[in-house]
N, C-alpha and C. Protein backbone atom coordinates (compact mmCIF):
# COMPACT_ATOMS: atom_id res chain seq x y z
N UNK A 1 -27.94 52.36 23.16
CA UNK A 1 -29.37 52.38 22.88
C UNK A 1 -29.70 53.96 22.38
N UNK A 2 -30.65 54.08 21.58
CA UNK A 2 -30.70 55.62 20.94
C UNK A 2 -32.08 55.92 21.76
N UNK A 3 -32.06 57.29 22.27
CA UNK A 3 -33.35 57.75 22.78
C UNK A 3 -33.78 58.96 22.09
N UNK A 4 -35.01 59.38 22.04
CA UNK A 4 -36.15 58.39 22.68
C UNK A 4 -36.67 57.11 21.92
N UNK A 5 -36.89 56.22 22.73
CA UNK A 5 -37.33 54.91 21.96
C UNK A 5 -38.30 54.07 23.05
N UNK A 6 -38.85 53.32 22.44
CA UNK A 6 -39.74 52.31 23.17
C UNK A 6 -38.79 51.21 23.88
N UNK A 7 -38.86 51.03 25.41
CA UNK A 7 -38.03 50.18 25.84
C UNK A 7 -38.49 49.11 26.30
N UNK A 8 -38.43 47.76 25.99
CA UNK A 8 -38.96 46.58 26.79
C UNK A 8 -37.75 45.82 27.58
N UNK A 9 -38.08 46.36 29.02
CA UNK A 9 -37.06 45.79 29.83
C UNK A 9 -36.67 44.44 29.88
N UNK A 10 -37.54 43.35 29.75
CA UNK A 10 -37.20 42.10 29.46
C UNK A 10 -36.03 41.65 28.68
N UNK A 11 -36.11 42.73 27.50
CA UNK A 11 -35.10 42.39 26.43
C UNK A 11 -33.56 42.65 26.89
N UNK A 12 -33.42 43.49 27.96
CA UNK A 12 -32.30 43.98 28.31
C UNK A 12 -31.69 43.47 29.65
N UNK A 13 -32.30 42.36 30.30
CA UNK A 13 -32.16 41.68 31.45
C UNK A 13 -30.91 40.79 31.47
N UNK A 14 -30.06 41.01 32.31
CA UNK A 14 -28.73 40.49 32.48
C UNK A 14 -28.87 39.52 33.59
N UNK A 15 -29.03 38.07 33.77
CA UNK A 15 -29.14 37.20 34.80
C UNK A 15 -27.93 36.71 34.88
N UNK A 16 -27.29 36.46 36.21
CA UNK A 16 -25.99 35.96 36.35
C UNK A 16 -26.17 34.98 37.77
N UNK A 17 -25.67 33.82 37.60
CA UNK A 17 -25.78 32.85 38.73
C UNK A 17 -25.08 32.92 39.92
N UNK A 18 -24.10 33.82 39.74
CA UNK A 18 -23.35 34.26 40.70
C UNK A 18 -23.75 35.54 41.60
N UNK A 19 -24.40 36.50 40.97
CA UNK A 19 -24.87 37.66 41.83
C UNK A 19 -25.90 38.32 40.92
N UNK A 20 -26.46 39.35 41.65
CA UNK A 20 -27.69 40.25 40.83
C UNK A 20 -26.87 40.70 39.69
N UNK A 21 -28.07 40.47 38.56
CA UNK A 21 -27.15 41.13 37.46
C UNK A 21 -27.86 42.67 37.37
N UNK A 22 -27.00 43.39 36.48
CA UNK A 22 -27.47 44.84 36.19
C UNK A 22 -27.35 45.31 34.75
N UNK A 23 -28.21 45.95 34.40
CA UNK A 23 -28.18 46.84 33.10
C UNK A 23 -28.67 48.08 33.15
N UNK A 24 -28.15 49.01 32.48
CA UNK A 24 -28.52 50.32 32.44
C UNK A 24 -29.20 50.60 31.00
N UNK A 25 -30.41 51.17 31.43
CA UNK A 25 -31.38 51.32 30.15
C UNK A 25 -31.13 52.93 29.71
N UNK A 26 -30.96 53.79 30.60
CA UNK A 26 -30.92 55.29 30.08
C UNK A 26 -29.89 55.76 31.35
N UNK A 27 -29.12 56.88 30.91
CA UNK A 27 -28.18 57.60 31.97
C UNK A 27 -27.83 59.04 31.39
N UNK A 28 -28.41 59.75 32.34
CA UNK A 28 -27.80 61.26 31.88
C UNK A 28 -27.37 61.96 33.46
N UNK A 29 -27.00 63.20 33.52
CA UNK A 29 -26.67 63.79 34.89
C UNK A 29 -27.92 63.95 35.57
N UNK A 30 -28.97 63.64 35.14
CA UNK A 30 -30.19 63.87 35.94
C UNK A 30 -30.84 62.63 36.48
N UNK A 31 -30.78 61.61 35.66
CA UNK A 31 -31.54 60.47 35.96
C UNK A 31 -30.71 59.07 35.56
N UNK A 32 -30.84 58.08 36.05
CA UNK A 32 -30.58 56.67 35.86
C UNK A 32 -31.64 55.69 35.83
N UNK A 33 -31.74 54.93 34.94
CA UNK A 33 -32.83 54.01 34.75
C UNK A 33 -32.05 52.63 34.51
N UNK A 34 -32.07 51.78 35.52
CA UNK A 34 -31.42 50.29 35.44
C UNK A 34 -32.44 49.36 35.53
N UNK A 35 -32.12 48.23 35.44
CA UNK A 35 -32.58 46.80 35.66
C UNK A 35 -31.68 46.20 36.84
N UNK A 36 -32.38 45.51 37.57
CA UNK A 36 -31.80 44.48 38.55
C UNK A 36 -32.38 43.39 38.29
N UNK A 37 -31.55 42.27 38.13
CA UNK A 37 -32.21 40.98 37.56
C UNK A 37 -31.66 39.97 38.82
N UNK A 38 -32.69 39.23 39.30
CA UNK A 38 -32.27 38.33 40.48
C UNK A 38 -32.72 37.06 40.08
N UNK A 39 -31.71 36.16 40.07
CA UNK A 39 -32.11 34.67 40.19
C UNK A 39 -32.63 34.13 41.72
N UNK A 40 -33.29 32.94 41.91
CA UNK A 40 -34.09 32.78 43.02
C UNK A 40 -32.89 32.69 44.02
N UNK A 41 -33.08 33.39 45.30
CA UNK A 41 -32.54 33.41 46.46
C UNK A 41 -31.22 34.51 46.46
N UNK A 42 -31.13 35.22 45.24
CA UNK A 42 -30.31 36.42 45.33
C UNK A 42 -30.83 37.61 46.01
N UNK A 43 -29.87 38.57 46.42
CA UNK A 43 -30.35 39.62 46.99
C UNK A 43 -29.43 40.82 46.84
N UNK A 44 -30.02 42.22 46.87
CA UNK A 44 -29.15 43.30 46.76
C UNK A 44 -29.21 43.85 48.49
N UNK A 45 -28.16 43.68 48.89
CA UNK A 45 -27.86 44.12 50.43
C UNK A 45 -28.34 45.46 50.57
N UNK A 46 -28.91 45.68 51.79
CA UNK A 46 -29.42 46.85 52.44
C UNK A 46 -28.31 48.12 52.22
N UNK A 47 -28.65 49.16 51.71
CA UNK A 47 -27.90 50.33 51.48
C UNK A 47 -28.48 51.52 51.51
N UNK A 48 -27.94 52.71 51.22
CA UNK A 48 -28.65 53.91 51.25
C UNK A 48 -27.86 54.88 50.47
N UNK A 49 -28.69 55.87 49.82
CA UNK A 49 -27.98 56.74 48.78
C UNK A 49 -28.15 58.40 49.33
N UNK A 50 -26.99 58.78 49.31
CA UNK A 50 -26.94 60.27 49.78
C UNK A 50 -27.27 61.11 48.76
N UNK A 51 -28.19 61.77 48.69
CA UNK A 51 -28.50 62.75 47.65
C UNK A 51 -29.24 62.33 46.49
N UNK A 52 -29.83 61.22 46.78
CA UNK A 52 -30.57 60.43 45.43
C UNK A 52 -31.98 59.88 46.03
N UNK A 53 -32.89 60.02 45.30
CA UNK A 53 -34.08 59.17 45.52
C UNK A 53 -34.00 58.01 44.52
N UNK A 54 -34.86 56.77 44.98
CA UNK A 54 -34.81 55.71 44.32
C UNK A 54 -36.06 55.09 44.17
N UNK A 55 -36.87 54.70 42.94
CA UNK A 55 -37.84 54.11 42.75
C UNK A 55 -37.65 52.80 42.17
N UNK A 56 -38.15 51.89 42.83
CA UNK A 56 -38.21 50.45 42.19
C UNK A 56 -39.44 49.81 41.96
N UNK A 57 -39.73 49.60 40.44
CA UNK A 57 -40.75 48.86 39.93
C UNK A 57 -40.55 47.44 39.59
N UNK A 58 -41.54 46.62 40.01
CA UNK A 58 -41.27 45.07 39.80
C UNK A 58 -41.82 44.81 38.28
N UNK A 59 -40.91 44.31 37.41
CA UNK A 59 -41.55 43.89 36.16
C UNK A 59 -42.07 42.47 36.35
N UNK A 60 -41.27 41.64 36.89
CA UNK A 60 -41.86 40.28 36.71
C UNK A 60 -40.98 39.66 38.11
N UNK A 61 -41.77 38.47 38.58
CA UNK A 61 -41.25 37.87 39.64
C UNK A 61 -42.02 38.24 41.06
N UNK A 62 -41.33 37.72 42.35
CA UNK A 62 -41.90 38.18 43.55
C UNK A 62 -40.63 38.13 44.33
N UNK A 63 -40.85 38.93 45.46
CA UNK A 63 -39.70 38.74 46.25
C UNK A 63 -39.98 39.77 47.60
N UNK A 64 -38.88 40.46 48.21
CA UNK A 64 -39.31 41.42 49.23
C UNK A 64 -38.26 42.54 49.19
N UNK A 65 -38.97 43.72 49.45
CA UNK A 65 -38.27 44.71 49.65
C UNK A 65 -37.75 44.92 50.84
N UNK A 66 -36.49 45.35 51.04
CA UNK A 66 -35.90 45.61 52.56
C UNK A 66 -35.82 46.86 52.84
N UNK A 67 -36.30 47.49 54.02
CA UNK A 67 -36.36 48.66 54.42
C UNK A 67 -36.21 48.77 55.64
N UNK A 68 -35.19 49.42 56.20
CA UNK A 68 -35.03 49.66 57.66
C UNK A 68 -35.22 48.55 58.61
N UNK A 69 -35.07 47.31 58.44
CA UNK A 69 -35.18 46.27 59.35
C UNK A 69 -36.54 45.60 59.01
N UNK A 70 -37.13 45.91 57.84
CA UNK A 70 -38.61 45.52 57.64
C UNK A 70 -38.31 44.57 56.27
N UNK A 71 -39.10 43.67 56.01
CA UNK A 71 -39.05 43.18 54.58
C UNK A 71 -40.62 43.29 53.97
N UNK A 72 -40.82 44.03 53.13
CA UNK A 72 -42.39 44.10 52.43
C UNK A 72 -42.44 43.26 51.26
N UNK A 73 -43.37 42.26 51.12
CA UNK A 73 -43.62 41.60 49.98
C UNK A 73 -43.88 42.31 48.69
N UNK A 74 -43.22 41.80 47.58
CA UNK A 74 -43.69 42.62 46.42
C UNK A 74 -43.98 41.61 45.25
N UNK A 75 -44.41 42.31 44.37
CA UNK A 75 -44.89 41.20 43.05
C UNK A 75 -45.00 42.08 41.93
N UNK A 76 -44.88 41.50 40.74
CA UNK A 76 -45.06 42.34 39.43
C UNK A 76 -46.14 43.39 39.49
N UNK A 77 -45.91 44.62 39.18
CA UNK A 77 -46.88 45.64 39.17
C UNK A 77 -46.68 46.37 40.30
N UNK A 78 -45.93 46.28 41.37
CA UNK A 78 -45.69 46.99 42.65
C UNK A 78 -44.65 48.00 42.59
N UNK A 79 -44.77 48.86 43.37
CA UNK A 79 -43.68 49.97 43.35
C UNK A 79 -43.32 50.45 44.56
N UNK A 80 -41.94 50.91 44.85
CA UNK A 80 -41.70 51.36 46.09
C UNK A 80 -40.67 52.54 45.74
N UNK A 81 -40.97 53.44 46.75
CA UNK A 81 -39.99 54.65 46.72
C UNK A 81 -39.08 54.80 47.87
N UNK A 82 -37.88 54.89 47.69
CA UNK A 82 -36.91 54.71 48.96
C UNK A 82 -36.22 56.21 48.56
N UNK A 83 -36.66 57.13 49.50
CA UNK A 83 -36.34 58.48 49.52
C UNK A 83 -34.61 58.56 49.75
N UNK A 84 -33.86 59.45 49.57
CA UNK A 84 -32.64 59.84 49.91
C UNK A 84 -32.39 59.43 51.47
N UNK A 85 -31.49 58.53 51.85
CA UNK A 85 -31.14 58.45 52.93
C UNK A 85 -31.65 57.25 53.77
N UNK A 86 -32.78 56.68 53.06
CA UNK A 86 -33.48 55.43 53.63
C UNK A 86 -32.62 54.10 53.26
N UNK A 87 -32.42 53.34 54.00
CA UNK A 87 -31.72 52.02 53.81
C UNK A 87 -32.89 51.30 53.08
N UNK A 88 -32.29 50.44 51.89
CA UNK A 88 -33.21 49.62 51.14
C UNK A 88 -32.51 48.62 50.48
N UNK A 89 -32.99 47.60 50.14
CA UNK A 89 -32.71 46.68 49.38
C UNK A 89 -33.60 45.73 48.59
N UNK A 90 -33.34 44.55 48.16
CA UNK A 90 -34.17 43.58 47.49
C UNK A 90 -33.80 42.29 47.46
N UNK A 91 -34.65 41.34 47.72
CA UNK A 91 -34.34 39.94 47.92
C UNK A 91 -35.26 39.39 47.13
N UNK A 92 -34.88 38.12 46.34
CA UNK A 92 -35.73 37.40 45.63
C UNK A 92 -36.04 36.04 46.44
N UNK A 93 -37.22 36.13 46.80
CA UNK A 93 -37.74 34.96 47.84
C UNK A 93 -38.84 34.22 47.09
N UNK A 94 -39.05 34.40 46.00
CA UNK A 94 -39.79 33.66 45.02
C UNK A 94 -39.04 32.29 44.28
N UNK A 95 -39.53 31.37 43.56
CA UNK A 95 -39.14 30.45 43.18
C UNK A 95 -38.76 30.68 41.42
N UNK A 96 -38.94 31.72 41.27
CA UNK A 96 -38.46 32.09 39.78
C UNK A 96 -37.94 33.25 39.70
N UNK A 97 -37.50 33.87 38.52
CA UNK A 97 -36.50 35.16 38.34
C UNK A 97 -37.40 36.30 38.84
N UNK A 98 -36.47 37.20 39.12
CA UNK A 98 -37.30 38.64 39.80
C UNK A 98 -36.48 39.71 38.75
N UNK A 99 -37.31 40.61 38.19
CA UNK A 99 -36.90 41.58 37.59
C UNK A 99 -37.50 42.77 37.92
N UNK A 100 -36.49 43.79 38.33
CA UNK A 100 -36.91 44.88 38.95
C UNK A 100 -36.23 46.36 38.26
N UNK A 101 -37.12 47.28 37.89
CA UNK A 101 -36.58 48.61 37.33
C UNK A 101 -36.25 49.50 38.46
N UNK A 102 -35.03 49.95 38.18
CA UNK A 102 -34.58 50.75 39.26
C UNK A 102 -34.37 52.25 38.79
N UNK A 103 -35.03 53.15 39.16
CA UNK A 103 -34.74 54.66 38.85
C UNK A 103 -34.42 55.35 39.81
N UNK A 104 -33.10 56.18 39.46
CA UNK A 104 -32.28 57.13 40.53
C UNK A 104 -32.29 58.49 39.99
N UNK A 105 -32.55 59.51 41.02
CA UNK A 105 -32.52 60.92 40.59
C UNK A 105 -31.98 61.55 41.60
N UNK A 106 -30.92 62.42 41.49
CA UNK A 106 -30.47 62.58 40.15
C UNK A 106 -29.38 61.27 39.99
N UNK A 107 -28.82 61.00 39.01
CA UNK A 107 -27.80 60.12 38.45
C UNK A 107 -26.64 60.18 39.49
N UNK A 108 -26.20 58.84 39.59
CA UNK A 108 -25.02 58.86 40.42
C UNK A 108 -23.92 59.46 39.81
N UNK A 109 -23.01 60.24 40.51
CA UNK A 109 -21.86 60.85 39.76
C UNK A 109 -20.93 59.70 39.06
N UNK A 110 -20.47 60.10 38.13
CA UNK A 110 -19.49 59.02 37.45
C UNK A 110 -18.10 59.19 38.42
N UNK A 111 -17.42 57.88 38.74
CA UNK A 111 -16.29 57.52 39.29
C UNK A 111 -15.16 58.79 38.92
N UNK A 112 -14.36 59.10 39.59
CA UNK A 112 -13.15 59.75 39.11
C UNK A 112 -12.11 59.16 38.37
N UNK A 113 -11.66 59.30 37.41
CA UNK A 113 -10.65 58.51 36.87
C UNK A 113 -9.03 58.89 37.35
């Protein structure tokens, strides 16, 4: 994808019946913008990032943000910030698909080859 350009997240969603789908919309050394696509019942397990903050923005659907033993309801238009080190995750508790924009800064380091 060439940048700068207008991005319509729904056009890049990757749904997978076996697991959460992921797509990268933009990546640099400073920022990663991705999509997490969930079929009903799918989840992204509780995890934390060292040295990175994460912002989730719900594009469509409904579910729950998992935060340190709590589950907060979410729906299209909602936003959650998971600061560095705070355990977080997402669960699709709705009857339809859930599409969540995920922004991480700084971007995760590329794996060593």
